[in-house]
Amino acid sequence: MTPSELFHEFVDGFPARRFSAGLLLAFIDFLVDLRVPQSDLEGLEAFLERYPRQELTAQGKHANTLIVKDGDRTLSIRPFYNQAERFFRAEHKRFDYPSCAPHATQAWRDYEEWLDVLIRLDSKELRRLRDQVCQFVLETLKSQEFDPASVQVEPPLFTRILEDFEVTSRKGEPSGAAFQGIVFGFLRADNPHLQVEIRKVRTGSRRLQRVGDVDGWDGARLAISAEVKQYIVPDGDVPDFEAFANEVGRRGALGLVVALGFQVDVRQQLEGLGLKPLDTEDLLHIVELWDPMKQRIAAMSFVYYADHVEMNSVLSRRLYDFIQAVKASHDLESPENPRPS
């Protein structure tokens, strides 16, 4: 068998036994390490006379793979196969090449005819054949290398809203609506297992049988409720939260007071009522741990609130323009966000 015939036999059998590529490379590198191309050996029989096959491993177990004695050392084809497998899979990301080193090296006896041919070749012929095998595999198997350019990175929308969206109401916007929409978006994204309800600002909660400004329901059970305050809560306002604290406590719900900030000692007083105070910095610390999809859900929930709950065109327009500016800065398009009329 000539080197060309060996290569074509390899190509024909590759679809059924892909590991044969690594085994062929292992044979070549194994022979080069043993300096066989510079010897006068003619075939496998002469090779095994000079390099006796070892029937036992270093652990004293039966050797299924090819291990030979070379002076004071033993040499196995396994490390060379491992190297070939790393070349295809790790270095060149051909993950369709199998990870099966034990099986492949134990199958060496099926390819004794190849080994017999390889032993007779010189260094130049071995190197040419090795290059042919590598090129064939890399051309045949598709590269699965990760391409960063294939990923469309979304901006951290909700983080940007918390950092830069102006919550102070503009002319034509209801006071407090912007911040209430932000809190709704936060709770909606952070509690996907709950039905989160919200109404327009300055809508009586008691008349609508609601507890807080934003309520999250687990079926008929109130799970979380938030009072939203678009200002820095002063010490004198703490008694105003007692009824809210009693109601969420009676229902076994988590009660939040979400505000732009809290004066000194107000946090401790609210916590003494069993409530959890959160300001914008607290929200940011939580949202920074969110992935872009979760951030987008929160932002789109804010959009929903502005368009369909508050139904305020001024707030909707301002929010839309803000999101478009953020996305433009990241070279992203937003087909999922139709321009409000």
Protein backbone atom coordinates (compact mmCIF):
# COMPACT_ATOMS: atom_id res chain seq x y z
CA MET A 1 0.00 0.00 0.00
CA THR A 2 1.37 3.39 -0.99
CA PRO A 3 0.97 6.55 1.15
CA SER A 4 -1.63 7.79 -1.35
CA GLU A 5 -3.60 4.55 -1.11
CA LEU A 6 -3.43 4.68 2.70
CA PHE A 7 -4.75 8.25 2.68
CA HIS A 8 -7.67 7.38 0.42
CA GLU A 9 -8.52 4.35 2.53
CA PHE A 10 -8.54 6.64 5.56
CA VAL A 11 -10.83 9.14 3.78
CA ASP A 12 -13.27 6.40 2.77
CA GLY A 13 -13.51 5.07 6.32
CA PHE A 14 -13.56 8.41 8.12
CA PRO A 15 -17.36 8.93 8.18
CA ALA A 16 -17.86 5.70 10.13
CA ARG A 17 -14.75 5.91 12.35
CA ARG A 18 -13.74 9.52 12.80
CA PHE A 19 -11.31 8.63 15.55
CA SER A 20 -9.12 7.01 12.84
CA ALA A 21 -7.75 10.49 12.04
CA GLY A 22 -6.34 10.88 15.52
CA LEU A 23 -5.04 7.32 15.51
CA LEU A 24 -3.24 7.89 12.21
CA LEU A 25 -1.62 11.06 13.58
CA ALA A 26 -0.72 9.20 16.78
CA PHE A 27 1.00 6.44 14.76
CA ILE A 28 3.05 9.01 12.84
CA ASP A 29 4.11 11.01 15.90
CA PHE A 30 4.81 7.79 17.80
CA LEU A 31 7.17 6.58 15.04
CA VAL A 32 8.89 9.97 14.76
CA ASP A 33 9.52 10.00 18.53
CA LEU A 34 11.12 6.56 18.21
CA ARG A 35 13.29 7.81 15.29
CA VAL A 36 11.87 5.09 13.04
CA PRO A 37 12.02 7.21 9.82
CA GLN A 38 15.80 7.37 10.20
CA SER A 39 16.06 3.58 10.65
CA ASP A 40 16.26 0.71 8.20
CA LEU A 41 13.14 -1.04 9.49
CA GLU A 42 10.94 -2.74 6.93
CA GLY A 43 7.46 -3.22 8.30
CA LEU A 44 5.68 -3.96 11.55
CA GLU A 45 7.34 -7.29 12.25
CA ALA A 46 10.83 -5.79 12.15
CA PHE A 47 9.60 -2.83 14.21
CA LEU A 48 8.33 -5.08 17.02
CA GLU A 49 11.58 -7.02 17.04
CA ARG A 50 13.51 -3.81 17.73
CA TYR A 51 10.83 -2.26 19.97
CA PRO A 52 9.18 -5.17 21.80
CA ARG A 53 5.54 -4.71 22.61
CA GLN A 54 4.76 -4.47 26.32
CA GLU A 55 1.79 -6.59 27.33
CA LEU A 56 1.38 -4.96 30.75
CA THR A 57 0.84 -1.35 31.77
CA ALA A 58 2.91 0.40 34.45
CA GLN A 59 0.14 -0.58 36.89
CA GLY A 60 0.54 -4.25 35.99
CA LYS A 61 -2.71 -4.49 34.05
CA HIS A 62 -3.20 -5.98 30.59
CA ALA A 63 -2.31 -3.38 27.94
CA ASN A 64 -4.96 -3.04 25.25
CA THR A 65 -3.14 -0.21 23.51
CA LEU A 66 0.23 -0.23 21.75
CA ILE A 67 3.11 0.16 24.22
CA VAL A 68 6.70 -0.65 23.24
CA LYS A 69 10.06 -0.88 24.98
CA ASP A 70 12.67 1.64 23.86
CA GLY A 71 15.85 1.16 25.81
CA ASP A 72 15.20 2.21 29.40
CA ARG A 73 11.79 3.67 28.67
CA THR A 74 8.39 2.54 27.49
CA LEU A 75 6.35 4.49 24.97
CA SER A 76 2.60 4.33 24.33
CA ILE A 77 0.55 5.71 21.47
CA ARG A 78 -1.98 7.10 23.98
CA PRO A 79 -0.23 10.45 24.71
CA PHE A 80 0.14 11.04 20.97
CA TYR A 81 -3.54 10.30 20.42
CA ASN A 82 -4.48 12.68 23.23
CA GLN A 83 -2.42 15.36 21.53
CA ALA A 84 -4.19 14.77 18.21
CA GLU A 85 -7.61 14.91 19.88
CA ARG A 86 -6.71 18.21 21.54
CA PHE A 87 -5.57 19.53 18.17
CA PHE A 88 -8.93 18.86 16.54
CA ARG A 89 -11.26 19.58 19.45
CA ALA A 90 -9.58 22.18 21.67
CA GLU A 91 -7.33 24.08 19.27
CA HIS A 92 -9.53 24.02 16.18
CA LYS A 93 -12.98 23.59 17.77
CA ARG A 94 -14.00 20.58 15.67
CA PHE A 95 -16.33 19.24 18.35
CA ASP A 96 -17.83 16.75 15.89
CA TYR A 97 -14.55 14.94 16.25
CA PRO A 98 -15.20 12.29 18.94
CA SER A 99 -13.76 12.35 22.43
CA CYS A 100 -12.93 8.67 22.73
CA ALA A 101 -9.23 8.21 23.40
CA PRO A 102 -9.51 4.85 25.26
CA HIS A 103 -11.64 3.28 22.51
CA ALA A 104 -9.52 4.72 19.71
CA THR A 105 -6.16 3.56 21.04
CA GLN A 106 -7.51 0.11 21.89
CA ALA A 107 -8.56 -0.23 18.23
CA TRP A 108 -4.96 -0.01 17.00
CA ARG A 109 -4.90 -3.67 15.94
CA ASP A 110 -7.56 -2.88 13.32
CA TYR A 111 -4.98 -0.63 11.64
CA GLU A 112 -1.85 -2.78 11.72
CA GLU A 113 -1.66 -2.56 7.92
CA TRP A 114 -1.44 1.25 8.18
CA LEU A 115 1.28 0.97 10.80
CA ASP A 116 3.19 -1.46 8.59
CA VAL A 117 3.12 1.10 5.74
CA LEU A 118 4.04 4.05 7.97
CA ILE A 119 7.13 2.26 9.34
CA ARG A 120 8.53 2.05 5.80
CA LEU A 121 8.15 5.81 5.05
CA ASP A 122 10.78 8.49 5.46
CA SER A 123 10.34 11.71 7.44
CA LYS A 124 9.23 13.77 4.44
CA GLU A 125 6.55 11.25 3.44
CA LEU A 126 5.24 11.01 7.01
CA ARG A 127 5.08 14.79 7.35
CA ARG A 128 3.22 15.13 4.02
CA LEU A 129 0.72 12.44 5.01
CA ARG A 130 0.23 14.03 8.43
CA ASP A 131 -0.52 17.41 6.84
CA GLN A 132 -3.01 15.79 4.45
CA VAL A 133 -4.91 14.16 7.32
CA CYS A 134 -5.06 17.38 9.33
CA GLN A 135 -6.21 19.42 6.36
CA PHE A 136 -8.86 16.84 5.44
CA VAL A 137 -10.37 16.75 8.93
CA LEU A 138 -10.37 20.54 9.33
CA GLU A 139 -12.05 20.94 5.94
CA THR A 140 -14.55 18.14 6.52
CA LEU A 141 -15.68 18.96 10.05
CA LYS A 142 -17.27 22.35 10.67
CA SER A 143 -15.55 24.70 13.09
CA GLN A 144 -17.70 25.42 16.12
CA GLU A 145 -15.48 28.17 17.46
CA PHE A 146 -17.42 30.87 19.28
CA ASP A 147 -17.62 34.05 17.25
CA PRO A 148 -18.15 37.11 19.48
CA ALA A 149 -19.37 39.03 16.43
CA SER A 150 -22.34 36.66 16.21
CA VAL A 151 -23.69 37.84 19.56
CA GLN A 152 -25.87 40.92 19.68
CA VAL A 153 -25.16 42.42 23.08
CA GLU A 154 -28.10 44.20 24.66
CA PRO A 155 -27.52 47.22 26.85
CA PRO A 156 -28.43 46.96 30.56
CA LEU A 157 -31.66 48.86 29.94
CA PHE A 158 -33.09 48.89 33.43
CA THR A 159 -29.78 49.81 35.00
CA ARG A 160 -29.65 52.81 32.71
CA ILE A 161 -33.23 53.72 33.60
CA LEU A 162 -32.41 53.64 37.30
CA GLU A 163 -29.25 55.66 36.78
CA ASP A 164 -30.30 58.24 34.23
CA PHE A 165 -34.05 58.40 33.63
CA GLU A 166 -35.42 61.56 35.20
CA VAL A 167 -38.22 60.65 37.61
CA THR A 168 -39.21 64.24 38.30
CA SER A 169 -42.49 64.70 36.48
CA ARG A 170 -42.59 66.88 33.38
CA LYS A 171 -45.45 69.05 32.23
CA GLY A 172 -48.33 66.79 31.27
CA GLU A 173 -47.15 63.87 33.45
CA PRO A 174 -48.84 62.83 36.70
CA SER A 175 -46.59 63.42 39.70
CA GLY A 176 -44.99 60.18 40.89
CA ALA A 177 -45.93 58.18 37.79
CA ALA A 178 -42.37 57.72 36.51
CA PHE A 179 -41.03 56.29 39.75
CA GLN A 180 -44.09 54.11 40.28
CA GLY A 181 -43.59 52.67 36.79
CA ILE A 182 -39.96 51.94 37.61
CA VAL A 183 -40.92 50.09 40.79
CA PHE A 184 -43.58 48.13 38.90
CA GLY A 185 -40.99 47.12 36.26
CA PHE A 186 -38.57 46.03 38.98
CA LEU A 187 -41.13 43.90 40.83
CA ARG A 188 -42.56 42.45 37.63
CA ALA A 189 -39.14 41.26 36.42
CA ASP A 190 -37.94 40.12 39.83
CA ASN A 191 -41.10 38.12 40.62
CA PRO A 192 -42.13 36.31 37.41
CA HIS A 193 -43.99 33.73 39.50
CA LEU A 194 -46.45 36.35 40.81
CA GLN A 195 -49.33 38.28 39.29
CA VAL A 196 -48.17 41.86 39.77
CA GLU A 197 -50.92 44.50 39.83
CA ILE A 198 -50.70 48.25 39.60
CA ARG A 199 -53.06 51.17 39.01
CA LYS A 200 -52.62 54.81 38.11
CA VAL A 201 -51.00 57.08 40.69
CA ARG A 202 -53.34 58.70 43.19
CA THR A 203 -55.87 55.87 42.79
CA GLY A 204 -57.30 54.83 46.14
CA SER A 205 -55.91 51.45 47.11
CA ARG A 206 -58.62 50.70 49.66
CA ARG A 207 -61.45 51.37 47.19
CA LEU A 208 -59.86 48.88 44.76
CA GLN A 209 -59.17 46.36 47.54
CA ARG A 210 -55.44 46.76 47.09
CA VAL A 211 -52.87 46.89 49.85
CA GLY A 212 -49.96 48.89 48.42
CA ASP A 213 -49.21 50.85 45.29
CA VAL A 214 -47.90 47.66 43.67
CA ASP A 215 -49.13 44.23 44.77
CA GLY A 216 -47.82 40.79 43.82
CA TRP A 217 -50.26 37.89 44.16
CA ASP A 218 -49.72 34.15 44.39
CA GLY A 219 -53.22 33.12 43.42
CA ALA A 220 -55.49 34.55 46.11
CA ARG A 221 -52.61 35.16 48.53
CA LEU A 222 -50.79 38.46 48.71
CA ALA A 223 -47.08 37.63 48.53
CA ILE A 224 -45.47 41.06 48.21
CA SER A 225 -46.67 44.64 48.37
CA ALA A 226 -44.85 47.94 47.87
CA GLU A 227 -45.57 51.50 48.85
CA VAL A 228 -43.87 53.84 46.37
CA LYS A 229 -42.66 57.28 47.43
CA GLN A 230 -41.03 59.57 44.91
CA TYR A 231 -39.21 61.56 47.56
CA ILE A 232 -36.80 61.17 50.44
CA VAL A 233 -38.90 59.79 53.29
CA PRO A 234 -38.60 62.02 56.40
CA ASP A 235 -38.70 60.86 59.99
CA GLY A 236 -42.16 62.32 60.52
CA ASP A 237 -43.73 60.12 57.82
CA VAL A 238 -42.94 56.79 59.50
CA PRO A 239 -46.29 56.60 61.39
CA ASP A 240 -48.06 56.84 58.01
CA PHE A 241 -46.74 53.36 57.18
CA GLU A 242 -48.11 51.63 60.27
CA ALA A 243 -51.43 50.65 58.69
CA PHE A 244 -49.59 49.27 55.64
CA ALA A 245 -47.23 47.34 57.91
CA ASN A 246 -50.15 45.87 59.86
CA GLU A 247 -51.95 44.79 56.70
CA VAL A 248 -48.99 43.03 55.06
CA GLY A 249 -48.10 41.48 58.41
CA ARG A 250 -51.63 40.18 58.84
CA ARG A 251 -51.48 38.60 55.38
CA GLY A 252 -47.99 37.18 55.85
CA ALA A 253 -46.73 39.19 52.87
CA LEU A 254 -43.43 40.93 52.26
CA GLY A 255 -43.90 44.68 52.66
CA LEU A 256 -41.61 47.10 50.81
CA VAL A 257 -41.24 50.85 51.04
CA VAL A 258 -39.49 52.00 47.87
CA ALA A 259 -38.38 55.63 47.86
CA LEU A 260 -35.76 57.93 46.39
CA GLY A 261 -34.08 57.88 49.80
CA PHE A 262 -34.55 57.89 53.56
CA GLN A 263 -33.56 60.37 56.21
CA VAL A 264 -31.35 59.28 59.10
CA ASP A 265 -32.85 56.49 61.24
CA VAL A 266 -35.92 56.10 58.98
CA ARG A 267 -34.67 52.77 57.64
CA GLN A 268 -34.33 51.37 61.15
CA GLN A 269 -37.79 52.61 62.11
CA LEU A 270 -39.40 51.04 59.02
CA GLU A 271 -37.58 47.78 59.65
CA GLY A 272 -38.94 47.95 63.20
CA LEU A 273 -42.41 47.88 61.66
CA GLY A 274 -41.48 44.74 59.73
CA LEU A 275 -41.03 46.56 56.42
CA LYS A 276 -38.14 46.46 53.96
CA PRO A 277 -36.94 49.92 52.86
CA LEU A 278 -35.37 50.18 49.40
CA ASP A 279 -33.98 53.25 47.69
CA THR A 280 -32.67 53.62 44.15
CA GLU A 281 -29.18 52.54 45.20
CA ASP A 282 -30.62 49.35 46.68
CA LEU A 283 -32.47 48.67 43.45
CA LEU A 284 -29.30 49.23 41.44
CA HIS A 285 -27.34 46.74 43.54
CA ILE A 286 -29.97 44.11 42.79
CA VAL A 287 -30.45 44.94 39.12
CA GLU A 288 -26.70 44.85 38.43
CA LEU A 289 -26.92 41.08 38.99
CA TRP A 290 -29.60 40.68 36.31
CA ASP A 291 -28.90 39.42 32.81
CA PRO A 292 -29.88 41.67 29.84
CA MET A 293 -33.11 39.74 29.20
CA LYS A 294 -34.36 40.30 32.73
CA GLN A 295 -33.41 43.96 32.47
CA ARG A 296 -35.35 44.21 29.22
CA ILE A 297 -38.41 42.63 30.86
CA ALA A 298 -38.30 45.26 33.59
CA ALA A 299 -37.91 48.07 31.08
CA MET A 300 -40.76 46.79 28.91
CA SER A 301 -42.95 46.45 32.00
CA PHE A 302 -42.31 50.14 32.65
CA VAL A 303 -43.30 50.82 29.02
CA TYR A 304 -46.50 48.81 29.56
CA TYR A 305 -47.30 50.83 32.67
CA ALA A 306 -46.80 54.16 30.89
CA ASP A 307 -48.80 53.13 27.79
CA HIS A 308 -51.59 50.96 29.19
CA VAL A 309 -51.98 51.76 32.88
CA GLU A 310 -51.11 55.42 33.26
CA MET A 311 -51.95 55.95 29.56
CA ASN A 312 -49.93 59.15 29.55
CA SER A 313 -48.50 60.10 26.17
CA VAL A 314 -45.92 62.50 27.63
CA LEU A 315 -44.39 59.84 29.88
CA SER A 316 -44.62 57.24 27.10
CA ARG A 317 -42.84 59.51 24.65
CA ARG A 318 -40.10 60.43 27.12
CA LEU A 319 -39.52 56.79 28.04
CA TYR A 320 -39.50 55.70 24.39
CA ASP A 321 -36.95 58.38 23.46
CA PHE A 322 -34.76 57.42 26.42
CA ILE A 323 -34.74 53.71 25.49
CA GLN A 324 -34.02 54.50 21.85
CA ALA A 325 -31.06 56.68 22.88
CA VAL A 326 -29.67 53.91 25.09
CA LYS A 327 -30.02 51.34 22.34
CA ALA A 328 -28.52 53.65 19.73
CA SER A 329 -25.45 54.06 21.91
CA HIS A 330 -25.02 50.27 21.72
CA ASP A 331 -25.71 50.14 17.97
CA LEU A 332 -28.86 48.10 18.56
CA GLU A 333 -32.21 48.22 16.88
CA SER A 334 -35.47 47.77 18.75
CA PRO A 335 -38.17 46.30 16.44
CA GLU A 336 -40.00 44.98 19.48
CA ASN A 337 -40.74 48.54 20.62
CA PRO A 338 -43.12 50.23 18.19
CA ARG A 339 -43.08 54.00 18.30
CA PRO A 340 -46.03 55.23 20.39
CA SER A 341 -48.62 57.25 18.56
